[in-house]
Amino acid sequence: MVDDACPVADRAVLTHGQVIEALVANRLTSPAPLVHVQAWAHEWAVGETLGVEPGLLNDDRVGRALDAIAPRLDQIAGSVGVRAIEAFGIDVARIHWDMTSISMHGDYEQLQEGFAAPKFGHPKDRRPDLKQVQAGIAVSGDGGVPVFHRAFDGGAGEVGQVIPVMKALQQMATRRDLLIVGDSKLISYANLAAMDGQGVRFVAPASKAYVPVAELAGLLVLAATAVDYVAGRDADKPADRRGTWHVIEDLMSLAGPRKKDSVLRLRRVFVHSSAREAATSTAPRQQTSASP
């Protein structure tokens, strides 16, 4: 697939596909900086297993291969995802999507157009002094197999990436009725309206912007339904020491920002955990002091 997307001249000793195959093997066995890939190839018998002469895998050659596939990355990743789905029978009816940040060191004064740009944002590693790029990955609910990924600018908002990612997943999975599982960044009127219009279902936690604290405070555990669920941390505990779970389900209405926007009717589930309630009630409260 790499060679079809990124052919090399006939005089080339290695194809880009051979180099990328070796690099994938390196990432899976003993990840190393590009300058050390050549030594890894000697130690891990890459010549015997992949038919690639280790001495050819210097950092310049690996770098040229990465530069070659960069403009075709979406095409290649999509092709690999589709092939994996077909070859291994992966069920992609449920897809889990999330984004994370990768902090970068350096100035990055010259940026190539069309690629993710390092920018200041909201880093997950709490390093606001560093620029970042963001990476999003989608994995199948069936085995957590990565089937799609995309890079984003460091300052890109997660909420705004949901709709294009949804369309890409539909195309890759060749089905429109996906179930997308995500975090609270999945929730916005525009995103939910788009998913509803496409027949895509979703599961995501709603923030306080959509469920006011007063509404939560008015719920009673006694009015909820007990569910037969055992948390992983309680699996080895006696039944009388396991946490209990209760749910209340209803429908909520979500209006759009404009008067002409249709009102969405959404299924909503409130979940109560006895273990979480106990942890909250016993957590030390922050002490405050005042000076005269």
C-alpha atoms as a PDB file:
ATOM      1  CA  MET A   1       0.000   0.000   0.000  1.00  0.00           C
ATOM      2  CA  VAL A   2       2.854   2.390   0.765  1.00  0.00           C
ATOM      3  CA  ASP A   3       4.611   1.565  -2.489  1.00  0.00           C
ATOM      4  CA  ASP A   4       1.412   2.104  -4.483  1.00  0.00           C
ATOM      5  CA  ALA A   5       0.901   5.506  -2.867  1.00  0.00           C
ATOM      6  CA  CYS A   6       4.575   6.550  -2.851  1.00  0.00           C
ATOM      7  CA  PRO A   7       6.589   4.855  -5.618  1.00  0.00           C
ATOM      8  CA  VAL A   8      10.370   5.307  -5.823  1.00  0.00           C
ATOM      9  CA  ALA A   9      12.760   5.512  -8.750  1.00  0.00           C
ATOM     10  CA  ASP A  10      13.838   2.218 -10.314  1.00  0.00           C
ATOM     11  CA  ARG A  11      17.425   2.749  -9.166  1.00  0.00           C
ATOM     12  CA  ALA A  12      16.421   2.867  -5.481  1.00  0.00           C
ATOM     13  CA  VAL A  13      17.777  -0.032  -3.407  1.00  0.00           C
ATOM     14  CA  LEU A  14      14.850   0.042  -0.963  1.00  0.00           C
ATOM     15  CA  THR A  15      11.258   1.075  -1.541  1.00  0.00           C
ATOM     16  CA  HIS A  16       9.514   3.400   0.886  1.00  0.00           C
ATOM     17  CA  GLY A  17       7.233   0.500   1.761  1.00  0.00           C
ATOM     18  CA  GLN A  18      10.164  -1.638   2.876  1.00  0.00           C
ATOM     19  CA  VAL A  19      11.520   1.150   5.050  1.00  0.00           C
ATOM     20  CA  ILE A  20       8.133   1.821   6.663  1.00  0.00           C
ATOM     21  CA  GLU A  21       7.609  -1.892   7.266  1.00  0.00           C
ATOM     22  CA  ALA A  22      10.920  -2.019   9.132  1.00  0.00           C
ATOM     23  CA  LEU A  23      10.033   1.128  11.068  1.00  0.00           C
ATOM     24  CA  VAL A  24       6.689  -0.367  12.112  1.00  0.00           C
ATOM     25  CA  ALA A  25       8.543  -3.446  13.344  1.00  0.00           C
ATOM     26  CA  ASN A  26      10.865  -1.180  15.318  1.00  0.00           C
ATOM     27  CA  ARG A  27       7.953   0.627  16.975  1.00  0.00           C
ATOM     28  CA  LEU A  28       6.404  -2.713  17.959  1.00  0.00           C
ATOM     29  CA  THR A  29       9.553  -4.334  19.328  1.00  0.00           C
ATOM     30  CA  SER A  30      12.043  -1.772  20.628  1.00  0.00           C
ATOM     31  CA  PRO A  31      11.081   1.852  19.852  1.00  0.00           C
ATOM     32  CA  ALA A  32      14.169   3.963  19.316  1.00  0.00           C
ATOM     33  CA  PRO A  33      15.101   7.387  17.899  1.00  0.00           C
ATOM     34  CA  LEU A  34      15.622   7.306  14.136  1.00  0.00           C
ATOM     35  CA  VAL A  35      19.386   7.540  14.560  1.00  0.00           C
ATOM     36  CA  HIS A  36      19.337   4.194  16.405  1.00  0.00           C
ATOM     37  CA  VAL A  37      17.068   2.274  14.006  1.00  0.00           C
ATOM     38  CA  GLN A  38      20.042   1.003  12.037  1.00  0.00           C
ATOM     39  CA  ALA A  39      21.636  -0.574  15.128  1.00  0.00           C
ATOM     40  CA  TRP A  40      18.279  -2.050  16.122  1.00  0.00           C
ATOM     41  CA  ALA A  41      17.948  -3.611  12.660  1.00  0.00           C
ATOM     42  CA  HIS A  42      21.286  -5.409  13.117  1.00  0.00           C
ATOM     43  CA  GLU A  43      20.381  -6.695  16.590  1.00  0.00           C
ATOM     44  CA  TRP A  44      16.867  -7.853  15.660  1.00  0.00           C
ATOM     45  CA  ALA A  45      17.751  -9.766  12.472  1.00  0.00           C
ATOM     46  CA  VAL A  46      15.788  -7.453  10.170  1.00  0.00           C
ATOM     47  CA  GLY A  47      17.786  -8.702   7.197  1.00  0.00           C
ATOM     48  CA  GLU A  48      16.716 -12.300   7.813  1.00  0.00           C
ATOM     49  CA  THR A  49      13.092 -11.574   8.751  1.00  0.00           C
ATOM     50  CA  LEU A  50      12.172  -8.713   6.401  1.00  0.00           C
ATOM     51  CA  GLY A  51      14.805  -9.050   3.705  1.00  0.00           C
ATOM     52  CA  VAL A  52      16.067  -5.514   4.313  1.00  0.00           C
ATOM     53  CA  GLU A  53      19.804  -4.879   4.677  1.00  0.00           C
ATOM     54  CA  PRO A  54      20.194  -3.219   8.120  1.00  0.00           C
ATOM     55  CA  GLY A  55      23.004  -0.987   6.909  1.00  0.00           C
ATOM     56  CA  LEU A  56      20.565   0.787   4.573  1.00  0.00           C
ATOM     57  CA  LEU A  57      18.255   1.881   7.386  1.00  0.00           C
ATOM     58  CA  ASN A  58      20.162   4.990   8.409  1.00  0.00           C
ATOM     59  CA  ASP A  59      18.256   7.957   9.781  1.00  0.00           C
ATOM     60  CA  ASP A  60      18.471   9.850   6.468  1.00  0.00           C
ATOM     61  CA  ARG A  61      16.769   7.008   4.576  1.00  0.00           C
ATOM     62  CA  VAL A  62      14.099   6.580   7.235  1.00  0.00           C
ATOM     63  CA  GLY A  63      13.531  10.337   7.211  1.00  0.00           C
ATOM     64  CA  ARG A  64      13.080  10.377   3.413  1.00  0.00           C
ATOM     65  CA  ALA A  65      10.502   7.612   3.677  1.00  0.00           C
ATOM     66  CA  LEU A  66       8.571   9.517   6.349  1.00  0.00           C
ATOM     67  CA  ASP A  67       8.689  12.678   4.210  1.00  0.00           C
ATOM     68  CA  ALA A  68       7.372  10.695   1.247  1.00  0.00           C
ATOM     69  CA  ILE A  69       4.355   9.243   3.044  1.00  0.00           C
ATOM     70  CA  ALA A  70       3.440  12.431   4.916  1.00  0.00           C
ATOM     71  CA  PRO A  71       1.299  13.908   2.084  1.00  0.00           C
ATOM     72  CA  ARG A  72      -0.423  10.536   1.600  1.00  0.00           C
ATOM     73  CA  LEU A  73      -0.846   9.631   5.246  1.00  0.00           C
ATOM     74  CA  ASP A  74      -4.650   9.757   5.349  1.00  0.00           C
ATOM     75  CA  GLN A  75      -4.856   7.600   2.225  1.00  0.00           C
ATOM     76  CA  ILE A  76      -2.381   5.050   3.573  1.00  0.00           C
ATOM     77  CA  ALA A  77      -3.847   4.917   7.078  1.00  0.00           C
ATOM     78  CA  GLY A  78      -7.363   4.562   5.664  1.00  0.00           C
ATOM     79  CA  SER A  79      -6.251   1.737   3.364  1.00  0.00           C
ATOM     80  CA  VAL A  80      -4.520  -0.073   6.213  1.00  0.00           C
ATOM     81  CA  GLY A  81      -7.598   0.341   8.408  1.00  0.00           C
ATOM     82  CA  VAL A  82      -9.931  -1.051   5.755  1.00  0.00           C
ATOM     83  CA  ARG A  83      -7.578  -3.968   5.051  1.00  0.00           C
ATOM     84  CA  ALA A  84      -7.323  -4.813   8.752  1.00  0.00           C
ATOM     85  CA  ILE A  85     -11.098  -4.713   9.133  1.00  0.00           C
ATOM     86  CA  GLU A  86     -11.534  -7.097   6.210  1.00  0.00           C
ATOM     87  CA  ALA A  87      -8.629  -9.429   7.032  1.00  0.00           C
ATOM     88  CA  PHE A  88      -9.405  -9.908  10.715  1.00  0.00           C
ATOM     89  CA  GLY A  89     -13.165  -9.465  10.687  1.00  0.00           C
ATOM     90  CA  ILE A  90     -13.041  -6.491  13.077  1.00  0.00           C
ATOM     91  CA  ASP A  91     -16.461  -5.237  14.148  1.00  0.00           C
ATOM     92  CA  VAL A  92     -16.458  -1.460  13.664  1.00  0.00           C
ATOM     93  CA  ALA A  93     -20.059  -0.859  14.648  1.00  0.00           C
ATOM     94  CA  ARG A  94     -18.717   0.816  17.813  1.00  0.00           C
ATOM     95  CA  ILE A  95     -15.779   3.202  17.583  1.00  0.00           C
ATOM     96  CA  HIS A  96     -14.009   4.894  20.508  1.00  0.00           C
ATOM     97  CA  TRP A  97     -12.522   8.316  19.656  1.00  0.00           C
ATOM     98  CA  ASP A  98     -10.241  10.535  21.703  1.00  0.00           C
ATOM     99  CA  MET A  99      -7.568  13.198  21.269  1.00  0.00           C
ATOM    100  CA  THR A 100      -4.406  13.915  23.184  1.00  0.00           C
ATOM    101  CA  SER A 101      -1.641  16.499  23.035  1.00  0.00           C
ATOM    102  CA  ILE A 102       2.075  16.045  22.383  1.00  0.00           C
ATOM    103  CA  SER A 103       4.318  18.803  23.722  1.00  0.00           C
ATOM    104  CA  MET A 104       7.086  20.001  21.409  1.00  0.00           C
ATOM    105  CA  HIS A 105      10.455  21.640  22.051  1.00  0.00           C
ATOM    106  CA  GLY A 106      11.800  24.197  19.585  1.00  0.00           C
ATOM    107  CA  ASP A 107      10.667  27.271  17.643  1.00  0.00           C
ATOM    108  CA  TYR A 108       9.261  25.700  14.425  1.00  0.00           C
ATOM    109  CA  GLU A 109       9.587  28.947  12.481  1.00  0.00           C
ATOM    110  CA  GLN A 110       9.196  27.268   9.074  1.00  0.00           C
ATOM    111  CA  LEU A 111       6.043  25.203   8.813  1.00  0.00           C
ATOM    112  CA  GLN A 112       5.034  23.209   5.763  1.00  0.00           C
ATOM    113  CA  GLU A 113       1.527  24.073   4.653  1.00  0.00           C
ATOM    114  CA  GLY A 114      -1.065  21.352   5.065  1.00  0.00           C
ATOM    115  CA  PHE A 115       0.458  19.705   8.132  1.00  0.00           C
ATOM    116  CA  ALA A 116      -0.335  20.001  11.824  1.00  0.00           C
ATOM    117  CA  ALA A 117       1.304  23.132  13.232  1.00  0.00           C
ATOM    118  CA  PRO A 118       2.807  23.319  16.726  1.00  0.00           C
ATOM    119  CA  LYS A 119       0.882  25.974  18.645  1.00  0.00           C
ATOM    120  CA  PHE A 120       0.057  26.867  22.208  1.00  0.00           C
ATOM    121  CA  GLY A 121      -3.098  25.205  23.493  1.00  0.00           C
ATOM    122  CA  HIS A 122      -4.381  23.236  26.464  1.00  0.00           C
ATOM    123  CA  PRO A 123      -1.737  20.517  26.982  1.00  0.00           C
ATOM    124  CA  LYS A 124      -2.682  17.290  28.714  1.00  0.00           C
ATOM    125  CA  ASP A 125       0.758  17.119  30.366  1.00  0.00           C
ATOM    126  CA  ARG A 126       0.240  20.552  31.963  1.00  0.00           C
ATOM    127  CA  ARG A 127       3.130  22.202  30.137  1.00  0.00           C
ATOM    128  CA  PRO A 128       1.503  25.429  28.915  1.00  0.00           C
ATOM    129  CA  ASP A 129       4.982  26.869  28.318  1.00  0.00           C
ATOM    130  CA  LEU A 130       5.495  24.496  25.374  1.00  0.00           C
ATOM    131  CA  LYS A 131       3.853  24.428  21.968  1.00  0.00           C
ATOM    132  CA  GLN A 132       1.997  21.254  21.070  1.00  0.00           C
ATOM    133  CA  VAL A 133       0.436  19.244  18.299  1.00  0.00           C
ATOM    134  CA  GLN A 134      -2.596  17.066  18.851  1.00  0.00           C
ATOM    135  CA  ALA A 135      -3.292  13.505  17.801  1.00  0.00           C
ATOM    136  CA  GLY A 136      -6.645  11.823  17.543  1.00  0.00           C
ATOM    137  CA  ILE A 137      -7.129   8.079  17.375  1.00  0.00           C
ATOM    138  CA  ALA A 138     -10.146   5.864  16.796  1.00  0.00           C
ATOM    139  CA  VAL A 139     -10.150   2.274  18.008  1.00  0.00           C
ATOM    140  CA  SER A 140     -12.705  -0.446  17.519  1.00  0.00           C
ATOM    141  CA  GLY A 141     -14.918  -1.507  20.390  1.00  0.00           C
ATOM    142  CA  ASP A 142     -14.044  -5.027  19.241  1.00  0.00           C
ATOM    143  CA  GLY A 143     -10.597  -5.522  20.774  1.00  0.00           C
ATOM    144  CA  GLY A 144      -9.501  -1.875  20.882  1.00  0.00           C
ATOM    145  CA  VAL A 145      -7.806  -2.129  17.479  1.00  0.00           C
ATOM    146  CA  PRO A 146      -6.606   1.252  16.125  1.00  0.00           C
ATOM    147  CA  VAL A 147      -8.327   1.814  12.778  1.00  0.00           C
ATOM    148  CA  PHE A 148      -7.974   5.567  12.191  1.00  0.00           C
ATOM    149  CA  HIS A 149      -5.818   8.475  13.316  1.00  0.00           C
ATOM    150  CA  ARG A 150      -5.284  12.124  12.438  1.00  0.00           C
ATOM    151  CA  ALA A 151      -2.964  14.952  13.503  1.00  0.00           C
ATOM    152  CA  PHE A 152      -4.286  18.400  14.402  1.00  0.00           C
ATOM    153  CA  ASP A 153      -2.843  21.848  15.051  1.00  0.00           C
ATOM    154  CA  GLY A 154      -1.843  22.483  18.634  1.00  0.00           C
ATOM    155  CA  GLY A 155      -4.542  25.121  19.069  1.00  0.00           C
ATOM    156  CA  ALA A 156      -7.381  23.209  17.399  1.00  0.00           C
ATOM    157  CA  GLY A 157     -10.468  22.778  19.568  1.00  0.00           C
ATOM    158  CA  GLU A 158     -11.520  19.179  20.115  1.00  0.00           C
ATOM    159  CA  VAL A 159     -15.211  19.985  19.721  1.00  0.00           C
ATOM    160  CA  GLY A 160     -14.698  21.209  16.166  1.00  0.00           C
ATOM    161  CA  GLN A 161     -13.006  18.012  14.957  1.00  0.00           C
ATOM    162  CA  VAL A 162     -15.899  15.634  15.598  1.00  0.00           C
ATOM    163  CA  ILE A 163     -17.896  16.109  12.380  1.00  0.00           C
ATOM    164  CA  PRO A 164     -15.015  15.615   9.889  1.00  0.00           C
ATOM    165  CA  VAL A 165     -13.781  12.638  11.889  1.00  0.00           C
ATOM    166  CA  MET A 166     -17.283  11.142  11.885  1.00  0.00           C
ATOM    167  CA  LYS A 167     -17.440  11.415   8.096  1.00  0.00           C
ATOM    168  CA  ALA A 168     -13.997   9.839   7.713  1.00  0.00           C
ATOM    169  CA  LEU A 169     -14.980   6.958   9.996  1.00  0.00           C
ATOM    170  CA  GLN A 170     -18.177   6.363   8.040  1.00  0.00           C
ATOM    171  CA  GLN A 171     -16.214   6.169   4.815  1.00  0.00           C
ATOM    172  CA  MET A 172     -13.574   3.859   6.266  1.00  0.00           C
ATOM    173  CA  ALA A 173     -16.054   1.570   7.998  1.00  0.00           C
ATOM    174  CA  THR A 174     -18.390   1.612   4.972  1.00  0.00           C
ATOM    175  CA  ARG A 175     -21.384   2.015   7.269  1.00  0.00           C
ATOM    176  CA  ARG A 176     -23.270   5.083   8.419  1.00  0.00           C
ATOM    177  CA  ASP A 177     -24.971   3.759  11.568  1.00  0.00           C
ATOM    178  CA  LEU A 178     -21.887   3.914  13.779  1.00  0.00           C
ATOM    179  CA  LEU A 179     -21.865   4.178  17.546  1.00  0.00           C
ATOM    180  CA  ILE A 180     -19.148   6.674  18.530  1.00  0.00           C
ATOM    181  CA  VAL A 181     -17.942   6.671  22.135  1.00  0.00           C
ATOM    182  CA  GLY A 182     -16.083   9.764  23.271  1.00  0.00           C
ATOM    183  CA  ASP A 183     -15.487  12.210  26.084  1.00  0.00           C
ATOM    184  CA  SER A 184     -17.345  15.412  26.895  1.00  0.00           C
ATOM    185  CA  LYS A 185     -15.731  17.210  23.911  1.00  0.00           C
ATOM    186  CA  LEU A 186     -18.044  15.170  21.708  1.00  0.00           C
ATOM    187  CA  ILE A 187     -21.009  17.149  22.998  1.00  0.00           C
ATOM    188  CA  SER A 188     -22.112  20.303  21.208  1.00  0.00           C
ATOM    189  CA  TYR A 189     -25.325  21.152  19.414  1.00  0.00           C
ATOM    190  CA  ALA A 190     -23.606  21.186  16.002  1.00  0.00           C
ATOM    191  CA  ASN A 191     -21.973  17.799  16.588  1.00  0.00           C
ATOM    192  CA  LEU A 192     -25.104  16.138  17.910  1.00  0.00           C
ATOM    193  CA  ALA A 193     -27.271  17.558  15.134  1.00  0.00           C
ATOM    194  CA  ALA A 194     -24.811  16.251  12.535  1.00  0.00           C
ATOM    195  CA  MET A 195     -24.692  12.788  14.108  1.00  0.00           C
ATOM    196  CA  ASP A 196     -28.473  12.679  14.446  1.00  0.00           C
ATOM    197  CA  GLY A 197     -28.862  13.667  10.803  1.00  0.00           C
ATOM    198  CA  GLN A 198     -26.469  10.923   9.709  1.00  0.00           C
ATOM    199  CA  GLY A 199     -28.015   8.210  11.872  1.00  0.00           C
ATOM    200  CA  VAL A 200     -24.877   7.997  13.997  1.00  0.00           C
ATOM    201  CA  ARG A 201     -25.382   7.138  17.654  1.00  0.00           C
ATOM    202  CA  PHE A 202     -23.107   8.321  20.427  1.00  0.00           C
ATOM    203  CA  VAL A 203     -22.236   7.824  24.095  1.00  0.00           C
ATOM    204  CA  ALA A 204     -20.470  10.644  25.936  1.00  0.00           C
ATOM    205  CA  PRO A 205     -20.564  12.349  29.345  1.00  0.00           C
ATOM    206  CA  ALA A 206     -22.409  15.657  29.414  1.00  0.00           C
ATOM    207  CA  SER A 207     -20.715  18.564  31.136  1.00  0.00           C
ATOM    208  CA  LYS A 208     -22.372  20.948  33.577  1.00  0.00           C
ATOM    209  CA  ALA A 209     -23.016  23.252  30.632  1.00  0.00           C
ATOM    210  CA  TYR A 210     -25.728  20.820  29.541  1.00  0.00           C
ATOM    211  CA  VAL A 211     -26.812  19.354  32.885  1.00  0.00           C
ATOM    212  CA  PRO A 212     -27.026  22.030  35.620  1.00  0.00           C
ATOM    213  CA  VAL A 213     -25.802  21.189  39.110  1.00  0.00           C
ATOM    214  CA  ALA A 214     -29.237  21.945  40.552  1.00  0.00           C
ATOM    215  CA  GLU A 215     -30.760  19.280  38.332  1.00  0.00           C
ATOM    216  CA  LEU A 216     -28.262  16.710  39.552  1.00  0.00           C
ATOM    217  CA  ALA A 217     -28.812  17.688  43.171  1.00  0.00           C
ATOM    218  CA  GLY A 218     -32.529  17.083  42.796  1.00  0.00           C
ATOM    219  CA  LEU A 219     -32.110  13.411  41.907  1.00  0.00           C
ATOM    220  CA  LEU A 220     -32.765  10.717  44.527  1.00  0.00           C
ATOM    221  CA  VAL A 221     -30.951   7.385  44.618  1.00  0.00           C
ATOM    222  CA  LEU A 222     -34.097   5.795  46.055  1.00  0.00           C
ATOM    223  CA  ALA A 223     -35.921   6.677  42.849  1.00  0.00           C
ATOM    224  CA  ALA A 224     -33.227   5.086  40.660  1.00  0.00           C
ATOM    225  CA  THR A 225     -33.039   1.527  39.354  1.00  0.00           C
ATOM    226  CA  ALA A 226     -30.343  -0.826  40.632  1.00  0.00           C
ATOM    227  CA  VAL A 227     -28.294  -2.400  37.849  1.00  0.00           C
ATOM    228  CA  ASP A 228     -26.433  -5.699  37.775  1.00  0.00           C
ATOM    229  CA  TYR A 229     -22.929  -4.333  37.256  1.00  0.00           C
ATOM    230  CA  VAL A 230     -19.650  -5.154  39.009  1.00  0.00           C
ATOM    231  CA  ALA A 231     -16.722  -2.760  38.663  1.00  0.00           C
ATOM    232  CA  GLY A 232     -13.349  -4.261  37.814  1.00  0.00           C
ATOM    233  CA  ARG A 233     -11.925  -3.178  41.166  1.00  0.00           C
ATOM    234  CA  ASP A 234     -14.687  -5.135  42.932  1.00  0.00           C
ATOM    235  CA  ALA A 235     -14.476  -8.348  40.920  1.00  0.00           C
ATOM    236  CA  ASP A 236     -12.548 -10.263  43.623  1.00  0.00           C
ATOM    237  CA  LYS A 237     -14.491  -8.878  46.575  1.00  0.00           C
ATOM    238  CA  PRO A 238     -17.333 -10.648  48.403  1.00  0.00           C
ATOM    239  CA  ALA A 239     -20.773  -9.574  47.206  1.00  0.00           C
ATOM    240  CA  ASP A 240     -21.509  -7.597  50.383  1.00  0.00           C
ATOM    241  CA  ARG A 241     -18.365  -5.478  49.899  1.00  0.00           C
ATOM    242  CA  ARG A 242     -18.933  -4.554  46.285  1.00  0.00           C
ATOM    243  CA  GLY A 243     -20.102  -1.132  45.207  1.00  0.00           C
ATOM    244  CA  THR A 244     -23.653  -0.717  44.007  1.00  0.00           C
ATOM    245  CA  TRP A 245     -24.820   1.100  40.903  1.00  0.00           C
ATOM    246  CA  HIS A 246     -28.111   2.824  40.132  1.00  0.00           C
ATOM    247  CA  VAL A 247     -29.389   4.602  37.031  1.00  0.00           C
ATOM    248  CA  ILE A 248     -32.168   6.971  36.106  1.00  0.00           C
ATOM    249  CA  GLU A 249     -33.039   7.381  32.446  1.00  0.00           C
ATOM    250  CA  ASP A 250     -35.030  10.140  30.790  1.00  0.00           C
ATOM    251  CA  LEU A 251     -35.137  12.353  27.701  1.00  0.00           C
ATOM    252  CA  MET A 252     -33.648  15.824  27.449  1.00  0.00           C
ATOM    253  CA  SER A 253     -34.244  18.576  24.916  1.00  0.00           C
ATOM    254  CA  LEU A 254     -31.341  20.494  23.421  1.00  0.00           C
ATOM    255  CA  ALA A 255     -32.103  23.670  21.484  1.00  0.00           C
ATOM    256  CA  GLY A 256     -29.752  25.136  18.893  1.00  0.00           C
ATOM    257  CA  PRO A 257     -28.188  28.583  19.002  1.00  0.00           C
ATOM    258  CA  ARG A 258     -30.574  29.874  16.308  1.00  0.00           C
ATOM    259  CA  LYS A 259     -34.358  30.022  16.409  1.00  0.00           C
ATOM    260  CA  LYS A 260     -34.652  28.034  13.202  1.00  0.00           C
ATOM    261  CA  ASP A 261     -32.570  25.153  14.627  1.00  0.00           C
ATOM    262  CA  SER A 262     -34.572  22.056  15.400  1.00  0.00           C
ATOM    263  CA  VAL A 263     -34.748  20.898  19.015  1.00  0.00           C
ATOM    264  CA  LEU A 264     -32.901  17.627  19.580  1.00  0.00           C
ATOM    265  CA  ARG A 265     -34.423  14.965  21.798  1.00  0.00           C
ATOM    266  CA  LEU A 266     -31.660  12.982  23.474  1.00  0.00           C
ATOM    267  CA  ARG A 267     -31.603   9.911  25.673  1.00  0.00           C
ATOM    268  CA  ARG A 268     -29.990  10.739  29.003  1.00  0.00           C
ATOM    269  CA  VAL A 269     -28.776   8.343  31.688  1.00  0.00           C
ATOM    270  CA  PHE A 270     -27.726   9.406  35.201  1.00  0.00           C
ATOM    271  CA  VAL A 271     -25.417   6.941  36.968  1.00  0.00           C
ATOM    272  CA  HIS A 272     -24.824   6.717  40.725  1.00  0.00           C
ATOM    273  CA  SER A 273     -21.902   4.775  42.213  1.00  0.00           C
ATOM    274  CA  SER A 274     -21.852   4.044  45.942  1.00  0.00           C
ATOM    275  CA  ALA A 275     -18.053   3.736  45.861  1.00  0.00           C
ATOM    276  CA  ARG A 276     -17.676   7.136  44.286  1.00  0.00           C
ATOM    277  CA  GLU A 277     -20.091   8.674  46.759  1.00  0.00           C
ATOM    278  CA  ALA A 278     -18.104   7.193  49.662  1.00  0.00           C
ATOM    279  CA  ALA A 279     -14.815   8.473  48.210  1.00  0.00           C
ATOM    280  CA  THR A 280     -16.267  11.951  47.819  1.00  0.00           C
ATOM    281  CA  SER A 281     -17.643  12.074  51.346  1.00  0.00           C
ATOM    282  CA  THR A 282     -14.336  10.971  52.921  1.00  0.00           C
ATOM    283  CA  ALA A 283     -12.015  13.123  50.789  1.00  0.00           C
ATOM    284  CA  PRO A 284     -10.164  15.768  52.815  1.00  0.00           C
ATOM    285  CA  ARG A 285     -11.569  19.213  52.274  1.00  0.00           C
ATOM    286  CA  GLN A 286      -9.284  22.088  51.434  1.00  0.00           C
ATOM    287  CA  GLN A 287      -8.479  24.219  54.456  1.00  0.00           C
ATOM    288  CA  THR A 288      -8.612  27.969  54.112  1.00  0.00           C
ATOM    289  CA  SER A 289      -7.140  30.596  56.364  1.00  0.00           C
ATOM    290  CA  ALA A 290      -7.433  34.345  56.649  1.00  0.00           C
ATOM    291  CA  SER A 291      -5.116  36.878  58.192  1.00  0.00           C
ATOM    292  CA  PRO A 292      -6.342  40.023  59.950  1.00  0.00           C
END
